[in-house]
């Protein structure tokens, strides 16, 4: 009788462990991509434009 009760608990544990590992690996991948993409220098307008809807960086990092 104990064997029958133990199997659903084992499946629940495996599903929860798999879900947590997917979330953890996704976060690790997100941090890795964030550091590898190097978003420090992006093309932008260097001088102030008179047209509406055009923006420039407040402080250029390039």
C-alpha atoms as a PDB file:
ATOM      1  CA  UNK A   1       0.000   0.000   0.000  1.00  0.00           C
ATOM      2  CA  UNK A   2       2.884   2.400   0.687  1.00  0.00           C
ATOM      3  CA  UNK A   3       4.304   1.888  -2.819  1.00  0.00           C
ATOM      4  CA  UNK A   4       1.098   3.151  -4.443  1.00  0.00           C
ATOM      5  CA  UNK A   5       1.062   6.288  -2.279  1.00  0.00           C
ATOM      6  CA  UNK A   6       4.770   7.022  -2.868  1.00  0.00           C
ATOM      7  CA  UNK A   7       4.508   7.150  -6.677  1.00  0.00           C
ATOM      8  CA  UNK A   8       2.278  10.248  -6.950  1.00  0.00           C
ATOM      9  CA  UNK A   9       4.545  12.065  -4.484  1.00  0.00           C
ATOM     10  CA  UNK A  10       7.565  11.151  -6.584  1.00  0.00           C
ATOM     11  CA  UNK A  11       5.890  12.468  -9.767  1.00  0.00           C
ATOM     12  CA  UNK A  12       4.926  15.707  -8.048  1.00  0.00           C
ATOM     13  CA  UNK A  13       8.496  16.141  -6.804  1.00  0.00           C
ATOM     14  CA  UNK A  14       9.897  15.495 -10.296  1.00  0.00           C
ATOM     15  CA  UNK A  15       7.503  17.952 -11.947  1.00  0.00           C
ATOM     16  CA  UNK A  16       8.288  20.670  -9.391  1.00  0.00           C
ATOM     17  CA  UNK A  17      12.040  20.047  -9.714  1.00  0.00           C
ATOM     18  CA  UNK A  18      11.813  20.188 -13.509  1.00  0.00           C
ATOM     19  CA  UNK A  19       9.842  23.445 -13.369  1.00  0.00           C
ATOM     20  CA  UNK A  20      12.327  25.046 -11.006  1.00  0.00           C
ATOM     21  CA  UNK A  21      15.277  23.942 -13.119  1.00  0.00           C
ATOM     22  CA  UNK A  22      13.683  25.453 -16.235  1.00  0.00           C
ATOM     23  CA  UNK A  23      13.151  28.780 -14.446  1.00  0.00           C
ATOM     24  CA  UNK A  24      16.698  28.802 -13.048  1.00  0.00           C
ATOM     25  CA  UNK A  25      18.268  27.942 -16.412  1.00  0.00           C
ATOM     26  CA  UNK A  26      16.184  30.603 -18.155  1.00  0.00           C
ATOM     27  CA  UNK A  27      17.406  33.231 -15.691  1.00  0.00           C
ATOM     28  CA  UNK A  28      21.015  32.139 -16.127  1.00  0.00           C
ATOM     29  CA  UNK A  29      20.606  32.417 -19.891  1.00  0.00           C
ATOM     30  CA  UNK A  30      19.053  35.889 -19.527  1.00  0.00           C
ATOM     31  CA  UNK A  31      21.998  37.143 -17.456  1.00  0.00           C
ATOM     32  CA  UNK A  32      24.490  35.592 -19.899  1.00  0.00           C
ATOM     33  CA  UNK A  33      22.859  37.256 -22.921  1.00  0.00           C
ATOM     34  CA  UNK A  34      22.670  40.599 -21.083  1.00  0.00           C
ATOM     35  CA  UNK A  35      26.408  40.593 -20.449  1.00  0.00           C
ATOM     36  CA  UNK A  36      27.359  39.312 -23.921  1.00  0.00           C
ATOM     37  CA  UNK A  37      25.267  41.814 -25.916  1.00  0.00           C
ATOM     38  CA  UNK A  38      27.322  44.838 -24.783  1.00  0.00           C
ATOM     39  CA  UNK A  39      24.607  47.514 -25.079  1.00  0.00           C
ATOM     40  CA  UNK A  40      27.003  50.280 -23.972  1.00  0.00           C
ATOM     41  CA  UNK A  41      27.298  52.051 -27.318  1.00  0.00           C
ATOM     42  CA  UNK A  42      24.165  52.565 -29.441  1.00  0.00           C
ATOM     43  CA  UNK A  43      23.790  54.728 -32.545  1.00  0.00           C
ATOM     44  CA  UNK A  44      21.934  57.929 -31.713  1.00  0.00           C
ATOM     45  CA  UNK A  45      21.692  61.541 -32.776  1.00  0.00           C
ATOM     46  CA  UNK A  46      24.715  63.568 -31.698  1.00  0.00           C
ATOM     47  CA  UNK A  47      23.176  67.031 -32.138  1.00  0.00           C
ATOM     48  CA  UNK A  48      19.797  68.419 -31.166  1.00  0.00           C
ATOM     49  CA  UNK A  49      17.241  68.101 -33.956  1.00  0.00           C
ATOM     50  CA  UNK A  50      14.434  70.536 -34.686  1.00  0.00           C
ATOM     51  CA  UNK A  51      12.053  67.769 -35.789  1.00  0.00           C
ATOM     52  CA  UNK A  52       9.439  66.428 -33.393  1.00  0.00           C
ATOM     53  CA  UNK A  53       9.801  62.784 -32.461  1.00  0.00           C
ATOM     54  CA  UNK A  54      13.592  62.593 -32.733  1.00  0.00           C
ATOM     55  CA  UNK A  55      15.572  62.044 -29.570  1.00  0.00           C
ATOM     56  CA  UNK A  56      19.207  61.967 -28.620  1.00  0.00           C
ATOM     57  CA  UNK A  57      21.119  60.545 -25.707  1.00  0.00           C
ATOM     58  CA  UNK A  58      21.473  62.769 -22.651  1.00  0.00           C
ATOM     59  CA  UNK A  59      25.128  61.730 -22.314  1.00  0.00           C
ATOM     60  CA  UNK A  60      27.059  59.886 -25.012  1.00  0.00           C
ATOM     61  CA  UNK A  61      28.973  56.800 -23.901  1.00  0.00           C
ATOM     62  CA  UNK A  62      30.793  56.454 -27.246  1.00  0.00           C
END
